[in-house]
Structures are given as structure tokens and as C-alpha cells.
Amino acid sequence: MIPDRLAEPSAVGALVRVEARRLLRHPALLIGAAAAAWLALPRWITGQPPEAQWDAQTYEQLTLLWSPLHLGAFVAATLTALRPGDGATAEMFAARPLGGRHRTLAQLVAGAIPMALTAVVVSLTWLLIADAGGIPTGFPVPVNLYPTVADAAYVIGLTGAAHAAGIALAHTTRSRLLNVVVGLIFTYIFFFMYWLTSFFPVSLLSPFVSPVSAGKTSYWGTPEPISSNGDGWYAIVRDTDFVACHTVYVAGVGVLLAAHALRRSDPEYRPRRLVLIGGLMAVSGFLLQVLTYSGAWSWPWS
């Protein structure tokens, strides 16, 4: 194992750039980014909001549009981590040898690439939504809502967590096929079938979170968009605080996954600081979600 003192920062930085270039050219990530852009951008490109089957559908499913990019980041990360030894890379760093943990660290840091791709696609979508005048939400008089910074941070953070998950799984099960299948099943259950995990308290642990929820109200006297399903009126609430807390939870899980990958790549390494930071973020994010939850279930004092 290469001691930390022999792993020069410049060598680690160079390896990060090598891994970043590999990710940027990886077919899985490029296909995922293209699929997410195809789902998110054309519906707004005309300057008009897309048709919706129910009053809150467009905003409710807004963050689902980038699930192919999350999947692409996961698959690219796990396949890159499982890549056999690269002779060219080994020769490049022969004078400054690096251990397995440093290569894993470089792969984790290279996750900035899929996160940056996500930020670009999300920003373009946000601009198109602003040009269209917002997202019509509610009935009979729709209110135009705009995506928030918390919505963008959640989507970008979820891509980072997916990247870390791919590397962590690669260091746990060494099967490319199994890892890809796990990613596909995970995406199908938690995103394409997101309503299966949209109830309390499972929704607090699920990777997907809807940016809006509905609460019982009267037709008059509410500043929120309203809707009716035949048995009463519901206020459509934009859950900015809840999404922000869920983002902290997702980021914490991502840090824990990164710590697991580093630990598996070097049995002598104990990433206690990462475990502490990730654990605090995950637990605090989860508890804050409970306190800010504004769906059908609520605290007695809320």
C-alpha cells in the first residue's frame, strides 16, 4: 500500500483529471445526459407549458425528468471503477506511485463532471420555464410557479450521490452486469414507479422527492394554487423547505457511500471524518424532513 506521504498532491490531481476525462467520454453518461435533455428541454422549447393530465403534474414530476442522467452517472461510475488496470495510466504515474485509495478518491472527485452536466441541463430547463412564464399549477385558475434553487440543488446532489453509489457498489460486488441491473431496478422502482414510495415515512428515505404536495383547504382565503378531486378543495403547496432538507439527506448518504468506497479500496484506511460528516448530514436531513413535512400527514402542533 502506498503511504500518504508518497502520494503527491500533484499526482492525485493529475489522476483526477484523467478520471474526469474518462467520465466525460463515457457512453453511459453521455446517453443519460442526452436522454435527460430530450425529456426536459423540448416540452418548453416552444415557449408554452406542456399539457398536463392533472393540475399539478408538470411541477410534481419536474425532478423526474433527470432520472436518466442519474442512472447514466451511476452506470458510468460503476463501470469506470471496475475497469481493469490501465497500462498507460500505470506508466504515467510510475514515478509517483498511487495506492488504490487514491485512485478511488480521484474517481469520486471526478463526480464533479456528471454534476456539472446536470447543472447545465437544469439551468437550461429553468431558463425555458422562465421564458414560458412559469409552470401553471392549480384549477380552476392556475397560478404560475417557478422552480426554486432547492429544486436545482436536489437534482444536482442526487447525481453526485448516484455517482458515489456506483463506485461504492463496484467495490462491494465486482460484477459489471449485476451492478448495471441494480441501477436499472433502482431507477425503475424509485423514479418510474415513484408513487410506490411517495407515502410517509418512506418518502423521507426515498431518493425521489416531489417538489409539491397537497393539503386540505377551503376554496376561499388561500394564497396557494388550489385543486379539487371531487371530494373537496386542496391547496397545492410548494415544499421548498422539505426539498432542501431532503437534499441534505441525499448528500449525507452520498458522503457515506464515498466513505464506504474508500474503506473498501484500502482496508487499513478508516474514513472516520467522512463517516461522521455523512452520518450527521443524513440524520439531520431526515429529522428536518419530518419537521417540515407538509403533505397529508402533519404534526399535531403544525
C-alpha atoms as a PDB file:
ATOM      1  CA  MET A   1       0.000   0.000   0.000  1.00  0.00           C
ATOM      2  CA  ILE A   2       1.307   3.456  -0.899  1.00  0.00           C
ATOM      3  CA  PRO A   3       1.753   5.675   2.197  1.00  0.00           C
ATOM      4  CA  ASP A   4       0.057   9.073   2.090  1.00  0.00           C
ATOM      5  CA  ARG A   5       3.395  10.878   2.181  1.00  0.00           C
ATOM      6  CA  LEU A   6       4.403   9.233  -1.125  1.00  0.00           C
ATOM      7  CA  ALA A   7       1.187  10.201  -2.866  1.00  0.00           C
ATOM      8  CA  GLU A   8       1.993  13.730  -4.024  1.00  0.00           C
ATOM      9  CA  PRO A   9      -0.995  16.073  -4.349  1.00  0.00           C
ATOM     10  CA  SER A  10       0.068  16.866  -7.890  1.00  0.00           C
ATOM     11  CA  ALA A  11      -0.072  13.169  -8.789  1.00  0.00           C
ATOM     12  CA  VAL A  12      -3.528  12.797  -7.251  1.00  0.00           C
ATOM     13  CA  GLY A  13      -4.696  15.929  -9.069  1.00  0.00           C
ATOM     14  CA  ALA A  14      -3.379  14.589 -12.365  1.00  0.00           C
ATOM     15  CA  LEU A  15      -5.214  11.319 -11.770  1.00  0.00           C
ATOM     16  CA  VAL A  16      -8.416  13.249 -11.059  1.00  0.00           C
ATOM     17  CA  ARG A  17      -8.089  14.919 -14.473  1.00  0.00           C
ATOM     18  CA  VAL A  18      -7.527  11.519 -16.114  1.00  0.00           C
ATOM     19  CA  GLU A  19     -10.661  10.078 -14.453  1.00  0.00           C
ATOM     20  CA  ALA A  20     -12.668  13.191 -15.302  1.00  0.00           C
ATOM     21  CA  ARG A  21     -11.782  12.879 -18.989  1.00  0.00           C
ATOM     22  CA  ARG A  22     -12.758   9.221 -18.924  1.00  0.00           C
ATOM     23  CA  LEU A  23     -16.137  10.072 -17.430  1.00  0.00           C
ATOM     24  CA  LEU A  24     -16.720  12.895 -19.883  1.00  0.00           C
ATOM     25  CA  ARG A  25     -16.298  10.428 -22.750  1.00  0.00           C
ATOM     26  CA  HIS A  26     -18.198   7.545 -21.161  1.00  0.00           C
ATOM     27  CA  PRO A  27     -21.147   6.402 -23.333  1.00  0.00           C
ATOM     28  CA  ALA A  28     -23.426   5.724 -20.337  1.00  0.00           C
ATOM     29  CA  LEU A  29     -23.069   9.272 -19.016  1.00  0.00           C
ATOM     30  CA  LEU A  30     -23.436  10.844 -22.452  1.00  0.00           C
ATOM     31  CA  ILE A  31     -26.546   8.770 -23.245  1.00  0.00           C
ATOM     32  CA  GLY A  32     -28.037   9.617 -19.855  1.00  0.00           C
ATOM     33  CA  ALA A  33     -27.402  13.330 -20.340  1.00  0.00           C
ATOM     34  CA  ALA A  34     -28.869  13.247 -23.845  1.00  0.00           C
ATOM     35  CA  ALA A  35     -31.966  11.382 -22.636  1.00  0.00           C
ATOM     36  CA  ALA A  36     -32.494  13.841 -19.767  1.00  0.00           C
ATOM     37  CA  ALA A  37     -32.119  16.803 -22.124  1.00  0.00           C
ATOM     38  CA  TRP A  38     -34.581  15.206 -24.553  1.00  0.00           C
ATOM     39  CA  LEU A  39     -37.132  14.741 -21.758  1.00  0.00           C
ATOM     40  CA  ALA A  40     -36.680  18.155 -20.153  1.00  0.00           C
ATOM     41  CA  LEU A  41     -35.993  20.688 -22.898  1.00  0.00           C
ATOM     42  CA  PRO A  42     -38.322  20.078 -25.900  1.00  0.00           C
ATOM     43  CA  ARG A  43     -41.502  20.380 -23.823  1.00  0.00           C
ATOM     44  CA  TRP A  44     -40.605  24.022 -23.061  1.00  0.00           C
ATOM     45  CA  ILE A  45     -38.780  24.960 -26.247  1.00  0.00           C
ATOM     46  CA  THR A  46     -41.894  26.470 -27.852  1.00  0.00           C
ATOM     47  CA  GLY A  47     -42.314  28.962 -25.012  1.00  0.00           C
ATOM     48  CA  GLN A  48     -45.531  27.287 -23.856  1.00  0.00           C
ATOM     49  CA  PRO A  49     -46.050  24.950 -20.888  1.00  0.00           C
ATOM     50  CA  PRO A  50     -46.631  21.276 -21.753  1.00  0.00           C
ATOM     51  CA  GLU A  51     -50.054  19.684 -21.476  1.00  0.00           C
ATOM     52  CA  ALA A  52     -50.792  18.056 -18.118  1.00  0.00           C
ATOM     53  CA  GLN A  53     -53.166  15.249 -17.143  1.00  0.00           C
ATOM     54  CA  TRP A  54     -53.807  16.744 -13.698  1.00  0.00           C
ATOM     55  CA  ASP A  55     -53.437  20.155 -12.118  1.00  0.00           C
ATOM     56  CA  ALA A  56     -50.022  19.692 -10.504  1.00  0.00           C
ATOM     57  CA  GLN A  57     -48.481  17.091 -12.833  1.00  0.00           C
ATOM     58  CA  THR A  58     -45.920  19.310 -14.558  1.00  0.00           C
ATOM     59  CA  TYR A  59     -44.374  20.590 -11.325  1.00  0.00           C
ATOM     60  CA  GLU A  60     -44.877  17.342  -9.398  1.00  0.00           C
ATOM     61  CA  GLN A  61     -42.922  15.348 -11.977  1.00  0.00           C
ATOM     62  CA  LEU A  62     -40.391  18.074 -12.781  1.00  0.00           C
ATOM     63  CA  THR A  63     -37.459  16.439 -10.986  1.00  0.00           C
ATOM     64  CA  LEU A  64     -38.231  13.046 -12.545  1.00  0.00           C
ATOM     65  CA  LEU A  65     -37.003  14.281 -15.913  1.00  0.00           C
ATOM     66  CA  TRP A  66     -33.333  13.891 -14.942  1.00  0.00           C
ATOM     67  CA  SER A  67     -33.552  10.278 -13.767  1.00  0.00           C
ATOM     68  CA  PRO A  68     -31.792   9.044 -16.964  1.00  0.00           C
ATOM     69  CA  LEU A  69     -28.858  11.298 -16.084  1.00  0.00           C
ATOM     70  CA  HIS A  70     -28.734   9.898 -12.545  1.00  0.00           C
ATOM     71  CA  LEU A  71     -28.752   6.381 -13.994  1.00  0.00           C
ATOM     72  CA  GLY A  72     -26.078   7.298 -16.537  1.00  0.00           C
ATOM     73  CA  ALA A  73     -23.870   8.728 -13.787  1.00  0.00           C
ATOM     74  CA  PHE A  74     -24.305   5.562 -11.722  1.00  0.00           C
ATOM     75  CA  VAL A  75     -23.523   3.185 -14.603  1.00  0.00           C
ATOM     76  CA  ALA A  76     -20.544   5.238 -15.804  1.00  0.00           C
ATOM     77  CA  ALA A  77     -19.123   5.386 -12.276  1.00  0.00           C
ATOM     78  CA  THR A  78     -19.502   1.676 -11.531  1.00  0.00           C
ATOM     79  CA  LEU A  79     -18.078   0.589 -14.905  1.00  0.00           C
ATOM     80  CA  THR A  80     -15.170   3.012 -14.596  1.00  0.00           C
ATOM     81  CA  ALA A  81     -14.388   1.777 -11.087  1.00  0.00           C
ATOM     82  CA  LEU A  82     -14.454  -1.828 -12.331  1.00  0.00           C
ATOM     83  CA  ARG A  83     -12.183  -1.055 -15.276  1.00  0.00           C
ATOM     84  CA  PRO A  84      -9.179  -3.411 -15.386  1.00  0.00           C
ATOM     85  CA  GLY A  85      -5.695  -2.000 -14.847  1.00  0.00           C
ATOM     86  CA  ASP A  86      -4.759   0.590 -17.456  1.00  0.00           C
ATOM     87  CA  GLY A  87      -1.172   0.136 -18.602  1.00  0.00           C
ATOM     88  CA  ALA A  88      -0.942   3.677 -19.962  1.00  0.00           C
ATOM     89  CA  THR A  89      -2.104   5.172 -16.677  1.00  0.00           C
ATOM     90  CA  ALA A  90       0.243   2.960 -14.668  1.00  0.00           C
ATOM     91  CA  GLU A  91       3.167   4.054 -16.825  1.00  0.00           C
ATOM     92  CA  MET A  92       2.130   7.708 -16.497  1.00  0.00           C
ATOM     93  CA  PHE A  93       2.305   7.556 -12.690  1.00  0.00           C
ATOM     94  CA  ALA A  94       5.159   5.064 -12.349  1.00  0.00           C
ATOM     95  CA  ALA A  95       7.485   7.734 -10.938  1.00  0.00           C
ATOM     96  CA  ARG A  96       4.861   8.822  -8.410  1.00  0.00           C
ATOM     97  CA  PRO A  97       3.019   5.626  -7.445  1.00  0.00           C
ATOM     98  CA  LEU A  98      -0.526   5.862  -6.113  1.00  0.00           C
ATOM     99  CA  GLY A  99      -2.459   3.393  -3.992  1.00  0.00           C
ATOM    100  CA  GLY A 100      -5.930   2.016  -4.627  1.00  0.00           C
ATOM    101  CA  ARG A 101      -7.486   4.502  -2.220  1.00  0.00           C
ATOM    102  CA  HIS A 102      -6.036   7.448  -4.133  1.00  0.00           C
ATOM    103  CA  ARG A 103      -7.447   6.104  -7.389  1.00  0.00           C
ATOM    104  CA  THR A 104     -10.838   5.695  -5.724  1.00  0.00           C
ATOM    105  CA  LEU A 105     -10.569   9.234  -4.365  1.00  0.00           C
ATOM    106  CA  ALA A 106      -9.798  10.504  -7.857  1.00  0.00           C
ATOM    107  CA  GLN A 107     -12.830   8.678  -9.243  1.00  0.00           C
ATOM    108  CA  LEU A 108     -15.056  10.174  -6.541  1.00  0.00           C
ATOM    109  CA  VAL A 109     -13.784  13.719  -7.159  1.00  0.00           C
ATOM    110  CA  ALA A 110     -14.351  13.212 -10.887  1.00  0.00           C
ATOM    111  CA  GLY A 111     -18.055  13.052  -9.997  1.00  0.00           C
ATOM    112  CA  ALA A 112     -17.963  16.814 -10.491  1.00  0.00           C
ATOM    113  CA  ILE A 113     -18.306  16.053 -14.221  1.00  0.00           C
ATOM    114  CA  PRO A 114     -21.798  14.428 -14.131  1.00  0.00           C
ATOM    115  CA  MET A 115     -22.870  17.007 -11.540  1.00  0.00           C
ATOM    116  CA  ALA A 116     -21.760  19.803 -13.878  1.00  0.00           C
ATOM    117  CA  LEU A 117     -23.645  18.205 -16.792  1.00  0.00           C
ATOM    118  CA  THR A 118     -26.736  18.055 -14.596  1.00  0.00           C
ATOM    119  CA  ALA A 119     -26.322  21.711 -13.648  1.00  0.00           C
ATOM    120  CA  VAL A 120     -26.145  22.711 -17.321  1.00  0.00           C
ATOM    121  CA  VAL A 121     -29.289  20.799 -18.317  1.00  0.00           C
ATOM    122  CA  VAL A 122     -31.187  22.021 -15.248  1.00  0.00           C
ATOM    123  CA  SER A 123     -30.164  25.631 -15.871  1.00  0.00           C
ATOM    124  CA  LEU A 124     -31.312  25.463 -19.492  1.00  0.00           C
ATOM    125  CA  THR A 125     -34.640  23.986 -18.378  1.00  0.00           C
ATOM    126  CA  TRP A 126     -35.082  26.691 -15.732  1.00  0.00           C
ATOM    127  CA  LEU A 127     -34.439  29.405 -18.360  1.00  0.00           C
ATOM    128  CA  LEU A 128     -37.001  27.881 -20.734  1.00  0.00           C
ATOM    129  CA  ILE A 129     -39.568  27.655 -17.921  1.00  0.00           C
ATOM    130  CA  ALA A 130     -38.965  31.314 -17.075  1.00  0.00           C
ATOM    131  CA  ASP A 131     -39.382  32.242 -20.753  1.00  0.00           C
ATOM    132  CA  ALA A 132     -42.701  30.349 -20.817  1.00  0.00           C
ATOM    133  CA  GLY A 133     -43.956  32.334 -17.846  1.00  0.00           C
ATOM    134  CA  GLY A 134     -43.676  29.590 -15.221  1.00  0.00           C
ATOM    135  CA  ILE A 135     -45.442  26.302 -14.554  1.00  0.00           C
ATOM    136  CA  PRO A 136     -49.272  26.600 -14.496  1.00  0.00           C
ATOM    137  CA  THR A 137     -50.459  24.874 -11.326  1.00  0.00           C
ATOM    138  CA  GLY A 138     -53.964  24.547  -9.887  1.00  0.00           C
ATOM    139  CA  PHE A 139     -57.598  24.697 -11.025  1.00  0.00           C
ATOM    140  CA  PRO A 140     -59.850  26.491 -11.958  1.00  0.00           C
ATOM    141  CA  VAL A 141     -57.462  29.470 -12.001  1.00  0.00           C
ATOM    142  CA  PRO A 142     -53.878  28.228 -12.467  1.00  0.00           C
ATOM    143  CA  VAL A 143     -51.051  30.011 -10.683  1.00  0.00           C
ATOM    144  CA  ASN A 144     -47.702  30.131 -12.445  1.00  0.00           C
ATOM    145  CA  LEU A 145     -44.947  28.737 -10.213  1.00  0.00           C
ATOM    146  CA  TYR A 146     -41.217  28.795 -10.855  1.00  0.00           C
ATOM    147  CA  PRO A 147     -38.666  26.126  -9.851  1.00  0.00           C
ATOM    148  CA  THR A 148     -36.537  27.016  -6.847  1.00  0.00           C
ATOM    149  CA  VAL A 149     -32.834  26.885  -6.047  1.00  0.00           C
ATOM    150  CA  ALA A 150     -33.637  23.984  -3.713  1.00  0.00           C
ATOM    151  CA  ASP A 151     -35.115  22.015  -6.641  1.00  0.00           C
ATOM    152  CA  ALA A 152     -31.924  22.545  -8.664  1.00  0.00           C
ATOM    153  CA  ALA A 153     -29.642  21.677  -5.740  1.00  0.00           C
ATOM    154  CA  TYR A 154     -31.613  18.476  -5.123  1.00  0.00           C
ATOM    155  CA  VAL A 155     -31.272  17.276  -8.722  1.00  0.00           C
ATOM    156  CA  ILE A 156     -27.545  18.060  -8.857  1.00  0.00           C
ATOM    157  CA  GLY A 157     -26.921  16.489  -5.462  1.00  0.00           C
ATOM    158  CA  LEU A 158     -28.783  13.346  -6.485  1.00  0.00           C
ATOM    159  CA  THR A 159     -26.467  12.949  -9.471  1.00  0.00           C
ATOM    160  CA  GLY A 160     -23.483  13.199  -7.143  1.00  0.00           C
ATOM    161  CA  ALA A 161     -24.973  10.589  -4.803  1.00  0.00           C
ATOM    162  CA  ALA A 162     -25.665   8.282  -7.762  1.00  0.00           C
ATOM    163  CA  HIS A 163     -22.036   8.634  -8.846  1.00  0.00           C
ATOM    164  CA  ALA A 164     -20.796   7.759  -5.347  1.00  0.00           C
ATOM    165  CA  ALA A 165     -23.228   4.829  -5.200  1.00  0.00           C
ATOM    166  CA  GLY A 166     -21.854   3.430  -8.448  1.00  0.00           C
ATOM    167  CA  ILE A 167     -18.283   3.474  -7.125  1.00  0.00           C
ATOM    168  CA  ALA A 168     -19.318   2.074  -3.736  1.00  0.00           C
ATOM    169  CA  LEU A 169     -21.195  -0.801  -5.369  1.00  0.00           C
ATOM    170  CA  ALA A 170     -18.230  -1.513  -7.650  1.00  0.00           C
ATOM    171  CA  HIS A 171     -16.077  -2.008  -4.542  1.00  0.00           C
ATOM    172  CA  THR A 172     -18.723  -4.271  -2.999  1.00  0.00           C
ATOM    173  CA  THR A 173     -19.755  -6.524  -5.885  1.00  0.00           C
ATOM    174  CA  ARG A 174     -17.275  -6.961  -8.708  1.00  0.00           C
ATOM    175  CA  SER A 175     -19.872  -7.866 -11.331  1.00  0.00           C
ATOM    176  CA  ARG A 176     -20.498  -5.300 -14.074  1.00  0.00           C
ATOM    177  CA  LEU A 177     -23.751  -6.935 -15.141  1.00  0.00           C
ATOM    178  CA  LEU A 178     -25.133  -7.149 -11.606  1.00  0.00           C
ATOM    179  CA  ASN A 179     -24.271  -3.523 -10.867  1.00  0.00           C
ATOM    180  CA  VAL A 180     -25.947  -2.258 -14.029  1.00  0.00           C
ATOM    181  CA  VAL A 181     -29.047  -4.349 -13.317  1.00  0.00           C
ATOM    182  CA  VAL A 182     -29.176  -2.969  -9.771  1.00  0.00           C
ATOM    183  CA  GLY A 183     -29.067   0.567 -11.178  1.00  0.00           C
ATOM    184  CA  LEU A 184     -31.871  -0.173 -13.645  1.00  0.00           C
ATOM    185  CA  ILE A 185     -34.107  -1.757 -10.985  1.00  0.00           C
ATOM    186  CA  PHE A 186     -33.417   1.059  -8.538  1.00  0.00           C
ATOM    187  CA  THR A 187     -34.301   3.695 -11.147  1.00  0.00           C
ATOM    188  CA  TYR A 188     -37.471   1.870 -12.185  1.00  0.00           C
ATOM    189  CA  ILE A 189     -38.803   1.481  -8.637  1.00  0.00           C
ATOM    190  CA  PHE A 190     -37.909   4.885  -7.196  1.00  0.00           C
ATOM    191  CA  PHE A 191     -38.433   7.070 -10.286  1.00  0.00           C
ATOM    192  CA  PHE A 192     -40.598   5.476 -12.975  1.00  0.00           C
ATOM    193  CA  MET A 193     -42.853   3.992 -10.253  1.00  0.00           C
ATOM    194  CA  TYR A 194     -42.291   6.840  -7.812  1.00  0.00           C
ATOM    195  CA  TRP A 195     -45.811   6.730  -6.385  1.00  0.00           C
ATOM    196  CA  LEU A 196     -44.972   3.380  -4.752  1.00  0.00           C
ATOM    197  CA  THR A 197     -42.686   5.186  -2.309  1.00  0.00           C
ATOM    198  CA  SER A 198     -44.455   8.558  -2.122  1.00  0.00           C
ATOM    199  CA  PHE A 199     -46.182   7.931   1.213  1.00  0.00           C
ATOM    200  CA  PHE A 200     -44.985   8.861   4.705  1.00  0.00           C
ATOM    201  CA  PRO A 201     -42.492   7.900   6.072  1.00  0.00           C
ATOM    202  CA  VAL A 202     -40.998   6.002   3.095  1.00  0.00           C
ATOM    203  CA  SER A 203     -40.866   9.215   1.059  1.00  0.00           C
ATOM    204  CA  LEU A 204     -38.378  10.647   3.557  1.00  0.00           C
ATOM    205  CA  LEU A 205     -35.892   7.864   2.729  1.00  0.00           C
ATOM    206  CA  SER A 206     -36.602   7.531  -0.996  1.00  0.00           C
ATOM    207  CA  PRO A 207     -34.134   9.209  -3.378  1.00  0.00           C
ATOM    208  CA  PHE A 208     -37.035  10.890  -5.215  1.00  0.00           C
ATOM    209  CA  VAL A 209     -38.955  13.739  -3.648  1.00  0.00           C
ATOM    210  CA  SER A 210     -41.803  15.686  -5.234  1.00  0.00           C
ATOM    211  CA  PRO A 211     -41.387  19.479  -5.059  1.00  0.00           C
ATOM    212  CA  VAL A 212     -45.123  19.989  -4.360  1.00  0.00           C
ATOM    213  CA  SER A 213     -47.760  18.426  -2.114  1.00  0.00           C
ATOM    214  CA  ALA A 214     -51.469  18.931  -1.424  1.00  0.00           C
ATOM    215  CA  GLY A 215     -53.262  19.811   1.797  1.00  0.00           C
ATOM    216  CA  LYS A 216     -56.962  20.145   2.624  1.00  0.00           C
ATOM    217  CA  THR A 217     -58.262  23.699   2.417  1.00  0.00           C
ATOM    218  CA  SER A 218     -61.326  25.767   1.569  1.00  0.00           C
ATOM    219  CA  TYR A 219     -61.885  27.344  -1.826  1.00  0.00           C
ATOM    220  CA  TRP A 220     -61.637  30.859  -0.417  1.00  0.00           C
ATOM    221  CA  GLY A 221     -58.890  32.504   1.542  1.00  0.00           C
ATOM    222  CA  THR A 222     -55.819  30.553   0.443  1.00  0.00           C
ATOM    223  CA  PRO A 223     -52.933  32.226  -1.391  1.00  0.00           C
ATOM    224  CA  GLU A 224     -51.747  28.864  -2.756  1.00  0.00           C
ATOM    225  CA  PRO A 225     -52.847  27.292  -6.053  1.00  0.00           C
ATOM    226  CA  ILE A 226     -55.914  25.126  -5.429  1.00  0.00           C
ATOM    227  CA  SER A 227     -57.341  21.987  -6.975  1.00  0.00           C
ATOM    228  CA  SER A 228     -60.271  19.640  -6.464  1.00  0.00           C
ATOM    229  CA  ASN A 229     -60.574  15.890  -6.891  1.00  0.00           C
ATOM    230  CA  GLY A 230     -64.335  15.826  -6.295  1.00  0.00           C
ATOM    231  CA  ASP A 231     -64.390  15.459  -2.508  1.00  0.00           C
ATOM    232  CA  GLY A 232     -63.087  18.889  -1.548  1.00  0.00           C
ATOM    233  CA  TRP A 233     -60.517  21.554  -2.260  1.00  0.00           C
ATOM    234  CA  TYR A 234     -56.780  21.113  -1.833  1.00  0.00           C
ATOM    235  CA  ALA A 235     -54.024  23.705  -1.609  1.00  0.00           C
ATOM    236  CA  ILE A 236     -51.017  22.821  -3.763  1.00  0.00           C
ATOM    237  CA  VAL A 237     -48.010  23.679  -1.617  1.00  0.00           C
ATOM    238  CA  ARG A 238     -44.502  24.182  -2.964  1.00  0.00           C
ATOM    239  CA  ASP A 239     -42.333  22.254  -0.488  1.00  0.00           C
ATOM    240  CA  THR A 240     -39.126  24.267  -0.792  1.00  0.00           C
ATOM    241  CA  ASP A 241     -38.027  23.631   2.802  1.00  0.00           C
ATOM    242  CA  PHE A 242     -38.772  19.924   2.531  1.00  0.00           C
ATOM    243  CA  VAL A 243     -36.822  19.595  -0.722  1.00  0.00           C
ATOM    244  CA  ALA A 244     -33.864  21.458   0.805  1.00  0.00           C
ATOM    245  CA  CYS A 245     -33.840  19.114   3.818  1.00  0.00           C
ATOM    246  CA  HIS A 246     -34.135  16.087   1.538  1.00  0.00           C
ATOM    247  CA  THR A 247     -31.132  17.401  -0.405  1.00  0.00           C
ATOM    248  CA  VAL A 248     -29.090  17.448   2.824  1.00  0.00           C
ATOM    249  CA  TYR A 249     -30.181  13.855   3.490  1.00  0.00           C
ATOM    250  CA  VAL A 250     -29.248  12.715  -0.041  1.00  0.00           C
ATOM    251  CA  ALA A 251     -25.871  14.463   0.163  1.00  0.00           C
ATOM    252  CA  GLY A 252     -25.194  12.785   3.512  1.00  0.00           C
ATOM    253  CA  VAL A 253     -25.937   9.361   2.039  1.00  0.00           C
ATOM    254  CA  GLY A 254     -23.597  10.200  -0.836  1.00  0.00           C
ATOM    255  CA  VAL A 255     -20.782  11.058   1.593  1.00  0.00           C
ATOM    256  CA  LEU A 256     -21.348   7.770   3.457  1.00  0.00           C
ATOM    257  CA  LEU A 257     -21.186   5.860   0.179  1.00  0.00           C
ATOM    258  CA  ALA A 258     -17.939   7.632  -0.695  1.00  0.00           C
ATOM    259  CA  ALA A 259     -16.517   6.663   2.705  1.00  0.00           C
ATOM    260  CA  HIS A 260     -17.525   3.046   2.096  1.00  0.00           C
ATOM    261  CA  ALA A 261     -15.780   3.043  -1.295  1.00  0.00           C
ATOM    262  CA  LEU A 262     -12.568   4.465   0.209  1.00  0.00           C
ATOM    263  CA  ARG A 263     -12.672   1.941   3.049  1.00  0.00           C
ATOM    264  CA  ARG A 264     -13.127  -0.986   0.650  1.00  0.00           C
ATOM    265  CA  SER A 265     -10.272   0.207  -1.562  1.00  0.00           C
ATOM    266  CA  ASP A 266      -7.860   0.335   1.401  1.00  0.00           C
ATOM    267  CA  PRO A 267      -8.654  -1.973   4.372  1.00  0.00           C
ATOM    268  CA  GLU A 268      -6.154  -0.071   6.529  1.00  0.00           C
ATOM    269  CA  TYR A 269      -7.870   3.263   5.990  1.00  0.00           C
ATOM    270  CA  ARG A 270     -10.546   4.448   8.419  1.00  0.00           C
ATOM    271  CA  PRO A 271     -12.566   7.346   6.953  1.00  0.00           C
ATOM    272  CA  ARG A 272     -13.924   8.370  10.350  1.00  0.00           C
ATOM    273  CA  ARG A 273     -14.267  12.035   9.439  1.00  0.00           C
ATOM    274  CA  LEU A 274     -16.265  11.268   6.297  1.00  0.00           C
ATOM    275  CA  VAL A 275     -18.481   8.845   8.209  1.00  0.00           C
ATOM    276  CA  LEU A 276     -19.113  11.464  10.888  1.00  0.00           C
ATOM    277  CA  ILE A 277     -19.907  14.205   8.368  1.00  0.00           C
ATOM    278  CA  GLY A 278     -22.080  11.955   6.208  1.00  0.00           C
ATOM    279  CA  GLY A 279     -23.889  10.499   9.202  1.00  0.00           C
ATOM    280  CA  LEU A 280     -24.648  13.934  10.647  1.00  0.00           C
ATOM    281  CA  MET A 281     -25.931  15.178   7.288  1.00  0.00           C
ATOM    282  CA  ALA A 282     -28.094  12.114   6.663  1.00  0.00           C
ATOM    283  CA  VAL A 283     -29.605  12.046  10.155  1.00  0.00           C
ATOM    284  CA  SER A 284     -30.164  15.800  10.398  1.00  0.00           C
ATOM    285  CA  GLY A 285     -31.603  15.902   6.881  1.00  0.00           C
ATOM    286  CA  PHE A 286     -34.012  13.102   7.745  1.00  0.00           C
ATOM    287  CA  LEU A 287     -35.133  14.712  11.014  1.00  0.00           C
ATOM    288  CA  LEU A 288     -35.563  18.114   9.379  1.00  0.00           C
ATOM    289  CA  GLN A 289     -37.731  16.495   6.709  1.00  0.00           C
ATOM    290  CA  VAL A 290     -40.047  15.212   9.429  1.00  0.00           C
ATOM    291  CA  LEU A 291     -40.337  18.680  10.944  1.00  0.00           C
ATOM    292  CA  THR A 292     -41.019  20.391   7.609  1.00  0.00           C
ATOM    293  CA  TYR A 293     -43.289  17.734   6.122  1.00  0.00           C
ATOM    294  CA  SER A 294     -46.438  19.377   4.698  1.00  0.00           C
ATOM    295  CA  GLY A 295     -48.240  16.533   2.946  1.00  0.00           C
ATOM    296  CA  ALA A 296     -51.376  14.673   4.032  1.00  0.00           C
ATOM    297  CA  TRP A 297     -49.768  13.758   7.381  1.00  0.00           C
ATOM    298  CA  SER A 298     -48.701  16.547   9.731  1.00  0.00           C
ATOM    299  CA  TRP A 299     -47.595  17.030  13.305  1.00  0.00           C
ATOM    300  CA  PRO A 300     -50.415  17.800  15.802  1.00  0.00           C
ATOM    301  CA  TRP A 301     -48.867  21.175  16.576  1.00  0.00           C
ATOM    302  CA  SER A 302     -48.358  22.221  12.939  1.00  0.00           C
END
